[in-house]
């Protein structure tokens, strides 16, 4: 699949989108980066420079635009915009021919609402469930750094399209093989809803706590009170997931805490990076969403409420783009 006939559009070619799209472009796919502002200008002028601890450092020459109506039909859309830009991006995706009858859409967004929204707009048959775990950010216009994280993709059919045996479909298998051949840590998952919730639990704690403290995880785990709060965030989200009918083991929170403690101590979640940079943050779709679901199920969520309340004044950021 990673040849000149495999066409990819990265909707939101920031850190995460550029990392995955850049890997596919280096492997031979025809990739169009959807970007804006100085980042777009730099990509068109100099190409996209990706500095990655997983893939190495390389420069790719690829198409880039801020006009999705100008992009012809693609085989794969990597939907990587920030959650607060979802509605606008979906509307722009419908303005031309980019999404065709056989186009597959995967989302690297945080949260649990992306796949339902994309399915409503384009049909569930075009949307695969996906979780992406990587630490990548725009270092300067046209330059993306990936200093940590596994760079993984977990892909699977959404429940409405799973077969009775719950095995990976041909298109999931083909896409995973394509990503693996591009050097990405991709795998198929027979229960993508479970994987999406596991990612949601992880990111609510990682992004929520690093944004709240303005500190990386190493400094959070160096103190007992913040470590205890981190675990409480995980436990609350896991309880909400179980109330939503997701088969999450009781050990989910403690296992996730241990796994995160074993990762690079300098990691800051994407919401933490956005907060520090003065950009809008995804608080309502992460910890705020947990609070909302907690009220629905009658489950207390004090740690997530504290994060959501403290960060609410920063939701729209402090910079004017």
C-alpha atoms as a PDB file:
ATOM      1  CA  UNK A   1       0.000   0.000   0.000  1.00  0.00           C
ATOM      2  CA  UNK A   2       2.863   2.420   0.627  1.00  0.00           C
ATOM      3  CA  UNK A   3       3.537   3.309  -2.982  1.00  0.00           C
ATOM      4  CA  UNK A   4       2.768   6.175  -5.317  1.00  0.00           C
ATOM      5  CA  UNK A   5      -0.798   4.939  -5.725  1.00  0.00           C
ATOM      6  CA  UNK A   6      -1.600   5.110  -2.002  1.00  0.00           C
ATOM      7  CA  UNK A   7      -2.992   8.567  -1.310  1.00  0.00           C
ATOM      8  CA  UNK A   8      -3.205   9.999   2.195  1.00  0.00           C
ATOM      9  CA  UNK A   9      -4.552  13.274   3.561  1.00  0.00           C
ATOM     10  CA  UNK A  10      -3.465  14.378   7.029  1.00  0.00           C
ATOM     11  CA  UNK A  11      -6.187  16.670   8.351  1.00  0.00           C
ATOM     12  CA  UNK A  12      -4.321  18.665  10.962  1.00  0.00           C
ATOM     13  CA  UNK A  13      -0.619  18.209  10.223  1.00  0.00           C
ATOM     14  CA  UNK A  14       0.627  19.347  13.621  1.00  0.00           C
ATOM     15  CA  UNK A  15       2.887  17.185  15.759  1.00  0.00           C
ATOM     16  CA  UNK A  16       0.842  13.975  15.802  1.00  0.00           C
ATOM     17  CA  UNK A  17      -0.499  14.160  12.256  1.00  0.00           C
ATOM     18  CA  UNK A  18       2.873  15.065  10.796  1.00  0.00           C
ATOM     19  CA  UNK A  19       4.564  12.173  12.606  1.00  0.00           C
ATOM     20  CA  UNK A  20       2.260   9.496  11.207  1.00  0.00           C
ATOM     21  CA  UNK A  21       1.810  11.146   7.824  1.00  0.00           C
ATOM     22  CA  UNK A  22       5.535  11.772   7.535  1.00  0.00           C
ATOM     23  CA  UNK A  23       6.303   8.101   8.152  1.00  0.00           C
ATOM     24  CA  UNK A  24       3.896   7.068   5.384  1.00  0.00           C
ATOM     25  CA  UNK A  25       5.308   9.712   3.018  1.00  0.00           C
ATOM     26  CA  UNK A  26       8.860   8.495   3.590  1.00  0.00           C
ATOM     27  CA  UNK A  27       7.667   4.971   2.758  1.00  0.00           C
ATOM     28  CA  UNK A  28       6.330   6.124  -0.610  1.00  0.00           C
ATOM     29  CA  UNK A  29       2.734   7.177  -0.049  1.00  0.00           C
ATOM     30  CA  UNK A  30       1.430  10.321  -1.737  1.00  0.00           C
ATOM     31  CA  UNK A  31       0.662  12.448   1.320  1.00  0.00           C
ATOM     32  CA  UNK A  32      -1.073  15.815   1.448  1.00  0.00           C
ATOM     33  CA  UNK A  33      -0.646  17.741   4.688  1.00  0.00           C
ATOM     34  CA  UNK A  34      -3.575  19.941   5.685  1.00  0.00           C
ATOM     35  CA  UNK A  35      -2.032  22.747   7.714  1.00  0.00           C
ATOM     36  CA  UNK A  36      -2.312  26.484   8.174  1.00  0.00           C
ATOM     37  CA  UNK A  37      -0.385  29.689   8.818  1.00  0.00           C
ATOM     38  CA  UNK A  38       3.411  29.771   9.108  1.00  0.00           C
ATOM     39  CA  UNK A  39       3.576  25.947   9.434  1.00  0.00           C
ATOM     40  CA  UNK A  40       1.876  25.554   6.062  1.00  0.00           C
ATOM     41  CA  UNK A  41       4.102  28.193   4.467  1.00  0.00           C
ATOM     42  CA  UNK A  42       7.250  26.525   5.772  1.00  0.00           C
ATOM     43  CA  UNK A  43       6.213  23.062   4.535  1.00  0.00           C
ATOM     44  CA  UNK A  44       5.488  24.418   1.070  1.00  0.00           C
ATOM     45  CA  UNK A  45       8.757  26.341   0.973  1.00  0.00           C
ATOM     46  CA  UNK A  46      11.207  23.927   2.597  1.00  0.00           C
ATOM     47  CA  UNK A  47       9.401  20.603   3.059  1.00  0.00           C
ATOM     48  CA  UNK A  48       8.546  18.979   6.391  1.00  0.00           C
ATOM     49  CA  UNK A  49      11.441  18.200   8.721  1.00  0.00           C
ATOM     50  CA  UNK A  50      10.698  15.376  11.152  1.00  0.00           C
ATOM     51  CA  UNK A  51      13.114  14.779  14.029  1.00  0.00           C
ATOM     52  CA  UNK A  52      12.152  11.488  15.637  1.00  0.00           C
ATOM     53  CA  UNK A  53      13.711   9.229  18.245  1.00  0.00           C
ATOM     54  CA  UNK A  54      11.810   6.342  16.642  1.00  0.00           C
ATOM     55  CA  UNK A  55      12.147   7.019  12.915  1.00  0.00           C
ATOM     56  CA  UNK A  56      15.302   9.127  12.787  1.00  0.00           C
ATOM     57  CA  UNK A  57      15.588  12.621  11.344  1.00  0.00           C
ATOM     58  CA  UNK A  58      14.463  13.199   7.775  1.00  0.00           C
ATOM     59  CA  UNK A  59      13.068  15.805   5.415  1.00  0.00           C
ATOM     60  CA  UNK A  60      10.102  15.033   3.199  1.00  0.00           C
ATOM     61  CA  UNK A  61       8.824  16.976   0.223  1.00  0.00           C
ATOM     62  CA  UNK A  62       5.048  16.654   0.214  1.00  0.00           C
ATOM     63  CA  UNK A  63       1.988  18.600  -0.841  1.00  0.00           C
ATOM     64  CA  UNK A  64       0.457  20.924   1.735  1.00  0.00           C
ATOM     65  CA  UNK A  65      -2.645  23.091   1.661  1.00  0.00           C
ATOM     66  CA  UNK A  66      -5.263  24.744   3.849  1.00  0.00           C
ATOM     67  CA  UNK A  67      -7.999  24.122   1.263  1.00  0.00           C
ATOM     68  CA  UNK A  68      -9.441  20.619   1.523  1.00  0.00           C
ATOM     69  CA  UNK A  69     -11.733  21.232  -1.448  1.00  0.00           C
ATOM     70  CA  UNK A  70      -8.606  21.211  -3.641  1.00  0.00           C
ATOM     71  CA  UNK A  71      -7.599  17.669  -2.586  1.00  0.00           C
ATOM     72  CA  UNK A  72      -8.668  14.805  -4.837  1.00  0.00           C
ATOM     73  CA  UNK A  73     -10.050  11.558  -3.430  1.00  0.00           C
ATOM     74  CA  UNK A  74      -7.652   9.779  -1.102  1.00  0.00           C
ATOM     75  CA  UNK A  75      -7.408   6.237   0.208  1.00  0.00           C
ATOM     76  CA  UNK A  76      -6.796   7.259   3.819  1.00  0.00           C
ATOM     77  CA  UNK A  77      -7.610  10.299   5.928  1.00  0.00           C
ATOM     78  CA  UNK A  78      -5.657  10.722   9.159  1.00  0.00           C
ATOM     79  CA  UNK A  79      -7.902  13.002  11.210  1.00  0.00           C
ATOM     80  CA  UNK A  80      -5.548  14.760  13.610  1.00  0.00           C
ATOM     81  CA  UNK A  81      -7.032  18.165  14.369  1.00  0.00           C
ATOM     82  CA  UNK A  82      -7.431  19.284  17.968  1.00  0.00           C
ATOM     83  CA  UNK A  83     -10.814  18.223  19.303  1.00  0.00           C
ATOM     84  CA  UNK A  84     -12.117  21.793  19.483  1.00  0.00           C
ATOM     85  CA  UNK A  85     -11.609  22.058  15.709  1.00  0.00           C
ATOM     86  CA  UNK A  86     -13.541  18.895  14.848  1.00  0.00           C
ATOM     87  CA  UNK A  87     -16.776  20.426  13.547  1.00  0.00           C
ATOM     88  CA  UNK A  88     -14.998  22.937  11.303  1.00  0.00           C
ATOM     89  CA  UNK A  89     -12.650  20.266   9.924  1.00  0.00           C
ATOM     90  CA  UNK A  90     -15.499  17.863   9.169  1.00  0.00           C
ATOM     91  CA  UNK A  91     -17.404  20.605   7.377  1.00  0.00           C
ATOM     92  CA  UNK A  92     -14.327  21.392   5.270  1.00  0.00           C
ATOM     93  CA  UNK A  93     -13.850  17.695   4.458  1.00  0.00           C
ATOM     94  CA  UNK A  94     -17.295  17.648   2.852  1.00  0.00           C
ATOM     95  CA  UNK A  95     -16.513  20.616   0.591  1.00  0.00           C
ATOM     96  CA  UNK A  96     -14.760  18.622  -2.133  1.00  0.00           C
ATOM     97  CA  UNK A  97     -13.922  15.133  -3.353  1.00  0.00           C
ATOM     98  CA  UNK A  98     -11.317  14.171  -0.746  1.00  0.00           C
ATOM     99  CA  UNK A  99     -13.540  11.585   0.967  1.00  0.00           C
ATOM    100  CA  UNK A 100     -14.764   9.078  -1.580  1.00  0.00           C
ATOM    101  CA  UNK A 101     -16.687   5.832  -1.529  1.00  0.00           C
ATOM    102  CA  UNK A 102     -13.619   3.751  -0.617  1.00  0.00           C
ATOM    103  CA  UNK A 103     -11.832   6.254   1.631  1.00  0.00           C
ATOM    104  CA  UNK A 104     -10.899   5.019   5.100  1.00  0.00           C
ATOM    105  CA  UNK A 105     -10.829   7.543   7.949  1.00  0.00           C
ATOM    106  CA  UNK A 106      -8.875   7.051  11.162  1.00  0.00           C
ATOM    107  CA  UNK A 107      -8.699   9.570  13.989  1.00  0.00           C
ATOM    108  CA  UNK A 108      -5.694  10.227  16.203  1.00  0.00           C
ATOM    109  CA  UNK A 109      -7.699  12.603  18.387  1.00  0.00           C
ATOM    110  CA  UNK A 110      -7.938  12.364  22.127  1.00  0.00           C
ATOM    111  CA  UNK A 111     -11.290  11.605  23.710  1.00  0.00           C
ATOM    112  CA  UNK A 112     -14.130   9.183  22.951  1.00  0.00           C
ATOM    113  CA  UNK A 113     -16.298  11.280  20.636  1.00  0.00           C
ATOM    114  CA  UNK A 114     -14.291  11.436  17.418  1.00  0.00           C
ATOM    115  CA  UNK A 115     -15.372   8.166  15.792  1.00  0.00           C
ATOM    116  CA  UNK A 116     -19.098   8.749  16.404  1.00  0.00           C
ATOM    117  CA  UNK A 117     -18.884  12.256  14.935  1.00  0.00           C
ATOM    118  CA  UNK A 118     -16.956  11.093  11.865  1.00  0.00           C
ATOM    119  CA  UNK A 119     -19.306   8.143  11.392  1.00  0.00           C
ATOM    120  CA  UNK A 120     -22.317  10.463  11.520  1.00  0.00           C
ATOM    121  CA  UNK A 121     -20.767  12.735   8.889  1.00  0.00           C
ATOM    122  CA  UNK A 122     -19.311  10.153   6.488  1.00  0.00           C
ATOM    123  CA  UNK A 123     -20.898   6.808   7.373  1.00  0.00           C
ATOM    124  CA  UNK A 124     -19.682   4.200   9.832  1.00  0.00           C
ATOM    125  CA  UNK A 125     -18.440   2.080   6.943  1.00  0.00           C
ATOM    126  CA  UNK A 126     -15.704   4.666   6.235  1.00  0.00           C
ATOM    127  CA  UNK A 127     -14.456   5.010   9.817  1.00  0.00           C
ATOM    128  CA  UNK A 128     -12.067   2.708  11.651  1.00  0.00           C
ATOM    129  CA  UNK A 129     -11.469   3.036  15.352  1.00  0.00           C
ATOM    130  CA  UNK A 130      -7.930   4.121  16.151  1.00  0.00           C
ATOM    131  CA  UNK A 131      -5.799   5.115  19.105  1.00  0.00           C
ATOM    132  CA  UNK A 132      -2.505   6.925  18.632  1.00  0.00           C
ATOM    133  CA  UNK A 133       0.103   7.258  21.353  1.00  0.00           C
ATOM    134  CA  UNK A 134       3.026   9.524  20.615  1.00  0.00           C
ATOM    135  CA  UNK A 135       4.709  12.626  21.992  1.00  0.00           C
ATOM    136  CA  UNK A 136       5.223  14.940  19.028  1.00  0.00           C
ATOM    137  CA  UNK A 137       4.958  18.678  18.609  1.00  0.00           C
ATOM    138  CA  UNK A 138       5.752  21.520  16.226  1.00  0.00           C
ATOM    139  CA  UNK A 139       9.169  22.829  17.273  1.00  0.00           C
ATOM    140  CA  UNK A 140       9.022  25.645  14.734  1.00  0.00           C
ATOM    141  CA  UNK A 141       7.112  26.137  11.477  1.00  0.00           C
ATOM    142  CA  UNK A 142       7.873  23.213   9.177  1.00  0.00           C
ATOM    143  CA  UNK A 143       9.727  21.264  11.889  1.00  0.00           C
ATOM    144  CA  UNK A 144       8.164  18.539  14.056  1.00  0.00           C
ATOM    145  CA  UNK A 145       9.992  16.900  16.961  1.00  0.00           C
ATOM    146  CA  UNK A 146       9.065  13.457  18.309  1.00  0.00           C
ATOM    147  CA  UNK A 147      11.127  13.027  21.495  1.00  0.00           C
ATOM    148  CA  UNK A 148       9.203  10.204  23.173  1.00  0.00           C
ATOM    149  CA  UNK A 149       6.264   7.857  23.349  1.00  0.00           C
ATOM    150  CA  UNK A 150       5.865   4.545  21.514  1.00  0.00           C
ATOM    151  CA  UNK A 151       4.527   6.095  18.313  1.00  0.00           C
ATOM    152  CA  UNK A 152       1.889   3.381  18.238  1.00  0.00           C
ATOM    153  CA  UNK A 153      -1.338   2.991  16.304  1.00  0.00           C
ATOM    154  CA  UNK A 154      -4.043   0.537  17.371  1.00  0.00           C
ATOM    155  CA  UNK A 155      -6.688   0.058  14.677  1.00  0.00           C
ATOM    156  CA  UNK A 156      -9.935  -1.892  14.527  1.00  0.00           C
ATOM    157  CA  UNK A 157     -13.442  -2.037  13.142  1.00  0.00           C
ATOM    158  CA  UNK A 158     -16.051  -0.111  15.097  1.00  0.00           C
ATOM    159  CA  UNK A 159     -18.569  -2.358  16.919  1.00  0.00           C
ATOM    160  CA  UNK A 160     -21.335  -1.766  14.367  1.00  0.00           C
ATOM    161  CA  UNK A 161     -19.228  -3.385  11.638  1.00  0.00           C
ATOM    162  CA  UNK A 162     -17.495  -6.153  13.564  1.00  0.00           C
ATOM    163  CA  UNK A 163     -18.260  -9.681  12.453  1.00  0.00           C
ATOM    164  CA  UNK A 164     -19.374 -12.475  14.745  1.00  0.00           C
ATOM    165  CA  UNK A 165     -15.820 -13.788  15.179  1.00  0.00           C
ATOM    166  CA  UNK A 166     -14.460 -10.289  15.994  1.00  0.00           C
ATOM    167  CA  UNK A 167     -11.364 -10.847  13.879  1.00  0.00           C
ATOM    168  CA  UNK A 168      -9.511  -8.112  12.051  1.00  0.00           C
ATOM    169  CA  UNK A 169     -11.102  -7.253   8.713  1.00  0.00           C
ATOM    170  CA  UNK A 170      -9.102  -7.306   5.488  1.00  0.00           C
ATOM    171  CA  UNK A 171      -8.920  -3.522   5.401  1.00  0.00           C
ATOM    172  CA  UNK A 172      -7.704  -3.306   9.000  1.00  0.00           C
ATOM    173  CA  UNK A 173      -5.051  -5.925   8.280  1.00  0.00           C
ATOM    174  CA  UNK A 174      -3.945  -4.134   5.100  1.00  0.00           C
ATOM    175  CA  UNK A 175      -3.729  -0.746   6.815  1.00  0.00           C
ATOM    176  CA  UNK A 176      -1.778  -2.159   9.758  1.00  0.00           C
ATOM    177  CA  UNK A 177       0.676  -3.835   7.368  1.00  0.00           C
ATOM    178  CA  UNK A 178       1.041  -0.532   5.515  1.00  0.00           C
ATOM    179  CA  UNK A 179       1.853   1.318   8.731  1.00  0.00           C
ATOM    180  CA  UNK A 180       4.267  -1.352   9.955  1.00  0.00           C
ATOM    181  CA  UNK A 181       6.114  -1.255   6.637  1.00  0.00           C
ATOM    182  CA  UNK A 182       6.499   2.498   7.176  1.00  0.00           C
ATOM    183  CA  UNK A 183       8.227   1.872  10.507  1.00  0.00           C
ATOM    184  CA  UNK A 184       5.232   2.534  12.756  1.00  0.00           C
ATOM    185  CA  UNK A 185       4.274   0.395  15.742  1.00  0.00           C
ATOM    186  CA  UNK A 186       0.816  -0.488  14.437  1.00  0.00           C
ATOM    187  CA  UNK A 187      -1.418  -3.376  15.420  1.00  0.00           C
ATOM    188  CA  UNK A 188      -4.983  -4.570  14.913  1.00  0.00           C
ATOM    189  CA  UNK A 189      -7.379  -4.781  17.847  1.00  0.00           C
ATOM    190  CA  UNK A 190     -10.491  -6.952  17.977  1.00  0.00           C
ATOM    191  CA  UNK A 191     -12.144  -4.695  20.595  1.00  0.00           C
ATOM    192  CA  UNK A 192     -11.347  -1.167  19.511  1.00  0.00           C
ATOM    193  CA  UNK A 193     -13.939   0.314  21.885  1.00  0.00           C
ATOM    194  CA  UNK A 194     -11.898  -1.066  24.786  1.00  0.00           C
ATOM    195  CA  UNK A 195      -8.710   0.372  23.277  1.00  0.00           C
ATOM    196  CA  UNK A 196     -10.352   3.783  22.825  1.00  0.00           C
ATOM    197  CA  UNK A 197     -11.378   3.866  26.480  1.00  0.00           C
ATOM    198  CA  UNK A 198      -7.938   2.743  27.624  1.00  0.00           C
ATOM    199  CA  UNK A 199      -6.456   5.657  25.681  1.00  0.00           C
ATOM    200  CA  UNK A 200      -9.103   8.002  27.125  1.00  0.00           C
ATOM    201  CA  UNK A 201      -8.235   6.945  30.673  1.00  0.00           C
ATOM    202  CA  UNK A 202      -4.531   7.389  29.970  1.00  0.00           C
ATOM    203  CA  UNK A 203      -4.831  10.814  28.338  1.00  0.00           C
ATOM    204  CA  UNK A 204      -7.229  12.261  30.921  1.00  0.00           C
ATOM    205  CA  UNK A 205      -4.588  11.610  33.581  1.00  0.00           C
ATOM    206  CA  UNK A 206      -1.505  12.471  31.532  1.00  0.00           C
ATOM    207  CA  UNK A 207      -2.831  15.620  29.871  1.00  0.00           C
ATOM    208  CA  UNK A 208      -4.987  16.650  32.802  1.00  0.00           C
ATOM    209  CA  UNK A 209      -2.288  16.372  35.446  1.00  0.00           C
ATOM    210  CA  UNK A 210       0.579  17.791  33.383  1.00  0.00           C
ATOM    211  CA  UNK A 211      -1.600  20.747  32.370  1.00  0.00           C
ATOM    212  CA  UNK A 212      -2.815  21.328  35.910  1.00  0.00           C
ATOM    213  CA  UNK A 213       0.697  21.284  37.397  1.00  0.00           C
ATOM    214  CA  UNK A 214       2.584  22.634  34.355  1.00  0.00           C
ATOM    215  CA  UNK A 215       5.082  19.877  35.125  1.00  0.00           C
ATOM    216  CA  UNK A 216       6.268  16.701  33.330  1.00  0.00           C
ATOM    217  CA  UNK A 217       5.321  13.300  34.683  1.00  0.00           C
ATOM    218  CA  UNK A 218       8.692  12.747  36.371  1.00  0.00           C
ATOM    219  CA  UNK A 219       8.091  15.690  38.686  1.00  0.00           C
ATOM    220  CA  UNK A 220       4.490  14.641  39.268  1.00  0.00           C
ATOM    221  CA  UNK A 221       5.523  11.118  40.297  1.00  0.00           C
ATOM    222  CA  UNK A 222       8.309  12.480  42.520  1.00  0.00           C
ATOM    223  CA  UNK A 223       5.666  13.755  44.951  1.00  0.00           C
ATOM    224  CA  UNK A 224       3.230  11.513  46.822  1.00  0.00           C
ATOM    225  CA  UNK A 225       0.194  13.870  46.703  1.00  0.00           C
ATOM    226  CA  UNK A 226       0.349  14.354  42.923  1.00  0.00           C
ATOM    227  CA  UNK A 227       0.959  10.646  42.374  1.00  0.00           C
ATOM    228  CA  UNK A 228      -2.125   9.883  44.474  1.00  0.00           C
ATOM    229  CA  UNK A 229      -4.178  12.389  42.499  1.00  0.00           C
ATOM    230  CA  UNK A 230      -2.908  10.923  39.216  1.00  0.00           C
ATOM    231  CA  UNK A 231      -4.127   7.490  40.316  1.00  0.00           C
ATOM    232  CA  UNK A 232      -7.461   8.950  41.400  1.00  0.00           C
ATOM    233  CA  UNK A 233      -7.982  10.494  37.968  1.00  0.00           C
ATOM    234  CA  UNK A 234      -7.284   7.119  36.360  1.00  0.00           C
ATOM    235  CA  UNK A 235      -9.623   5.315  38.770  1.00  0.00           C
ATOM    236  CA  UNK A 236     -12.506   7.735  38.178  1.00  0.00           C
ATOM    237  CA  UNK A 237     -12.307   7.466  34.386  1.00  0.00           C
ATOM    238  CA  UNK A 238     -12.065   3.678  34.541  1.00  0.00           C
ATOM    239  CA  UNK A 239     -15.183   3.566  36.743  1.00  0.00           C
ATOM    240  CA  UNK A 240     -17.034   5.720  34.195  1.00  0.00           C
ATOM    241  CA  UNK A 241     -15.956   3.397  31.391  1.00  0.00           C
ATOM    242  CA  UNK A 242     -17.291   0.364  33.241  1.00  0.00           C
ATOM    243  CA  UNK A 243     -20.582   2.216  33.808  1.00  0.00           C
ATOM    244  CA  UNK A 244     -20.704   2.834  30.040  1.00  0.00           C
ATOM    245  CA  UNK A 245     -20.495  -0.909  29.482  1.00  0.00           C
ATOM    246  CA  UNK A 246     -16.804  -1.215  28.607  1.00  0.00           C
ATOM    247  CA  UNK A 247     -15.109  -4.356  29.943  1.00  0.00           C
ATOM    248  CA  UNK A 248     -12.292  -2.678  31.863  1.00  0.00           C
ATOM    249  CA  UNK A 249     -10.491  -4.789  34.502  1.00  0.00           C
ATOM    250  CA  UNK A 250     -10.471  -3.505  38.071  1.00  0.00           C
ATOM    251  CA  UNK A 251      -6.670  -3.346  37.811  1.00  0.00           C
ATOM    252  CA  UNK A 252      -6.786  -0.850  34.920  1.00  0.00           C
ATOM    253  CA  UNK A 253      -5.882   2.257  36.939  1.00  0.00           C
ATOM    254  CA  UNK A 254      -2.993   0.763  38.918  1.00  0.00           C
ATOM    255  CA  UNK A 255      -1.574  -0.963  35.844  1.00  0.00           C
ATOM    256  CA  UNK A 256      -1.773   2.261  33.837  1.00  0.00           C
ATOM    257  CA  UNK A 257      -0.085   4.219  36.603  1.00  0.00           C
ATOM    258  CA  UNK A 258       2.794   1.727  36.706  1.00  0.00           C
ATOM    259  CA  UNK A 259       3.135   1.816  32.925  1.00  0.00           C
ATOM    260  CA  UNK A 260       3.235   5.610  32.857  1.00  0.00           C
ATOM    261  CA  UNK A 261       5.788   5.746  35.667  1.00  0.00           C
ATOM    262  CA  UNK A 262       8.082   3.608  33.506  1.00  0.00           C
ATOM    263  CA  UNK A 263       8.031   6.097  30.617  1.00  0.00           C
ATOM    264  CA  UNK A 264      10.298   9.066  29.900  1.00  0.00           C
ATOM    265  CA  UNK A 265      10.154  11.472  32.876  1.00  0.00           C
ATOM    266  CA  UNK A 266      10.118  14.561  30.654  1.00  0.00           C
ATOM    267  CA  UNK A 267       6.773  13.772  29.006  1.00  0.00           C
ATOM    268  CA  UNK A 268       4.069  16.426  29.123  1.00  0.00           C
ATOM    269  CA  UNK A 269       0.634  15.690  27.672  1.00  0.00           C
ATOM    270  CA  UNK A 270      -0.598  17.557  24.611  1.00  0.00           C
ATOM    271  CA  UNK A 271      -2.968  19.658  26.702  1.00  0.00           C
ATOM    272  CA  UNK A 272      -0.052  20.644  28.908  1.00  0.00           C
ATOM    273  CA  UNK A 273       1.956  21.769  25.881  1.00  0.00           C
ATOM    274  CA  UNK A 274      -1.027  23.719  24.539  1.00  0.00           C
ATOM    275  CA  UNK A 275      -1.654  25.404  27.883  1.00  0.00           C
ATOM    276  CA  UNK A 276       1.973  26.468  28.266  1.00  0.00           C
ATOM    277  CA  UNK A 277       1.951  27.811  24.694  1.00  0.00           C
ATOM    278  CA  UNK A 278      -1.243  29.775  25.295  1.00  0.00           C
ATOM    279  CA  UNK A 279      -3.240  27.724  22.794  1.00  0.00           C
ATOM    280  CA  UNK A 280      -6.835  26.511  23.244  1.00  0.00           C
ATOM    281  CA  UNK A 281      -7.064  23.292  25.256  1.00  0.00           C
ATOM    282  CA  UNK A 282      -9.287  20.210  25.044  1.00  0.00           C
ATOM    283  CA  UNK A 283     -10.474  20.262  28.650  1.00  0.00           C
ATOM    284  CA  UNK A 284     -14.202  19.899  27.945  1.00  0.00           C
ATOM    285  CA  UNK A 285     -13.673  16.814  25.801  1.00  0.00           C
ATOM    286  CA  UNK A 286     -11.325  15.162  28.311  1.00  0.00           C
ATOM    287  CA  UNK A 287     -11.718  15.739  32.061  1.00  0.00           C
ATOM    288  CA  UNK A 288     -14.866  17.800  31.518  1.00  0.00           C
ATOM    289  CA  UNK A 289     -16.398  14.888  29.622  1.00  0.00           C
ATOM    290  CA  UNK A 290     -15.595  12.596  32.554  1.00  0.00           C
ATOM    291  CA  UNK A 291     -17.436  14.939  34.917  1.00  0.00           C
ATOM    292  CA  UNK A 292     -20.415  14.994  32.544  1.00  0.00           C
ATOM    293  CA  UNK A 293     -20.564  11.194  32.360  1.00  0.00           C
ATOM    294  CA  UNK A 294     -20.079  10.958  36.116  1.00  0.00           C
ATOM    295  CA  UNK A 295     -23.239  12.996  36.622  1.00  0.00           C
ATOM    296  CA  UNK A 296     -25.049  10.759  34.145  1.00  0.00           C
ATOM    297  CA  UNK A 297     -24.146   7.613  36.081  1.00  0.00           C
ATOM    298  CA  UNK A 298     -24.128   9.055  39.594  1.00  0.00           C
ATOM    299  CA  UNK A 299     -20.379   8.400  39.999  1.00  0.00           C
ATOM    300  CA  UNK A 300     -18.310  11.006  41.921  1.00  0.00           C
ATOM    301  CA  UNK A 301     -15.405  12.432  39.922  1.00  0.00           C
ATOM    302  CA  UNK A 302     -13.721  14.927  42.298  1.00  0.00           C
ATOM    303  CA  UNK A 303     -10.204  14.708  40.824  1.00  0.00           C
ATOM    304  CA  UNK A 304     -11.420  15.193  37.263  1.00  0.00           C
ATOM    305  CA  UNK A 305     -13.729  17.994  38.433  1.00  0.00           C
ATOM    306  CA  UNK A 306     -10.794  19.768  40.071  1.00  0.00           C
ATOM    307  CA  UNK A 307      -8.788  19.595  36.838  1.00  0.00           C
ATOM    308  CA  UNK A 308     -11.724  20.644  34.657  1.00  0.00           C
ATOM    309  CA  UNK A 309     -12.638  23.554  36.947  1.00  0.00           C
ATOM    310  CA  UNK A 310      -9.075  24.816  37.333  1.00  0.00           C
ATOM    311  CA  UNK A 311      -8.389  24.709  33.594  1.00  0.00           C
ATOM    312  CA  UNK A 312     -11.762  26.003  32.368  1.00  0.00           C
ATOM    313  CA  UNK A 313     -10.537  29.644  32.241  1.00  0.00           C
ATOM    314  CA  UNK A 314      -7.783  28.531  29.843  1.00  0.00           C
ATOM    315  CA  UNK A 315     -10.056  26.656  27.441  1.00  0.00           C
ATOM    316  CA  UNK A 316      -9.842  29.221  24.647  1.00  0.00           C
ATOM    317  CA  UNK A 317      -6.141  29.938  25.192  1.00  0.00           C
ATOM    318  CA  UNK A 318      -4.443  33.281  25.626  1.00  0.00           C
ATOM    319  CA  UNK A 319      -2.966  33.852  22.160  1.00  0.00           C
ATOM    320  CA  UNK A 320      -4.602  35.405  19.148  1.00  0.00           C
ATOM    321  CA  UNK A 321      -3.808  33.432  15.994  1.00  0.00           C
END
